[in-house]
Amino acid sequence: MTRKRYETVVRADVQKVWRFHSNVSALVLLTPPNRRLRFDPAEIEVTDGATHRLKFGLGPFWMQWDAVISDVVAPARFRDTAIKCPFKSWTHLHEFVEHEGGTKITDTIEYEPPFGIFGGLLDKLIISKQLDQLFAFRHMITHQQLS
């Protein structure tokens, strides 16, 4: 199991940050332009037990990503746990804490890459770096939208 943590501070109150991040349609903004994203609008609320169904394009391929929302404590945190995704396992804890006139956003990811030992090698060579780039992009967009 690999654990990664990404943090940033934005100049916006925690309620505004919560409203932005708890709206699944914000994922469109938070998805890099080289990846395409589609989501099922039927269940877009961030509430305990909600299932978010997404498809994202990576190169010529579309991948399914279904995640169950849990541990919702507005405006402090929520967790999404993938029940169908390219990873063997994936959990993303979103946390929002007031911090020096703004809000500290912490994204904690715990995941296991697919493909066993080969997946471990893929993680070292590609996956980990792509996650770092993805969350750098997400935090940049969050700053643009909220600061």
Foldseek 3Di string as FASTA:
>chain_A
DDKDKDKDWAQFALQVLQVLVQFVVNVCVLFDPQKDKDWDPPFGGQDAQTKTWMWMDDPNDIWIWIWGKHPDDPPAWIKTWTPGTQFPTKMWIWGWDDDDNTIMIMIMMDTHHPDPPVRVVCCVVPVVVVVVVSVVSNVVSSNVVGD
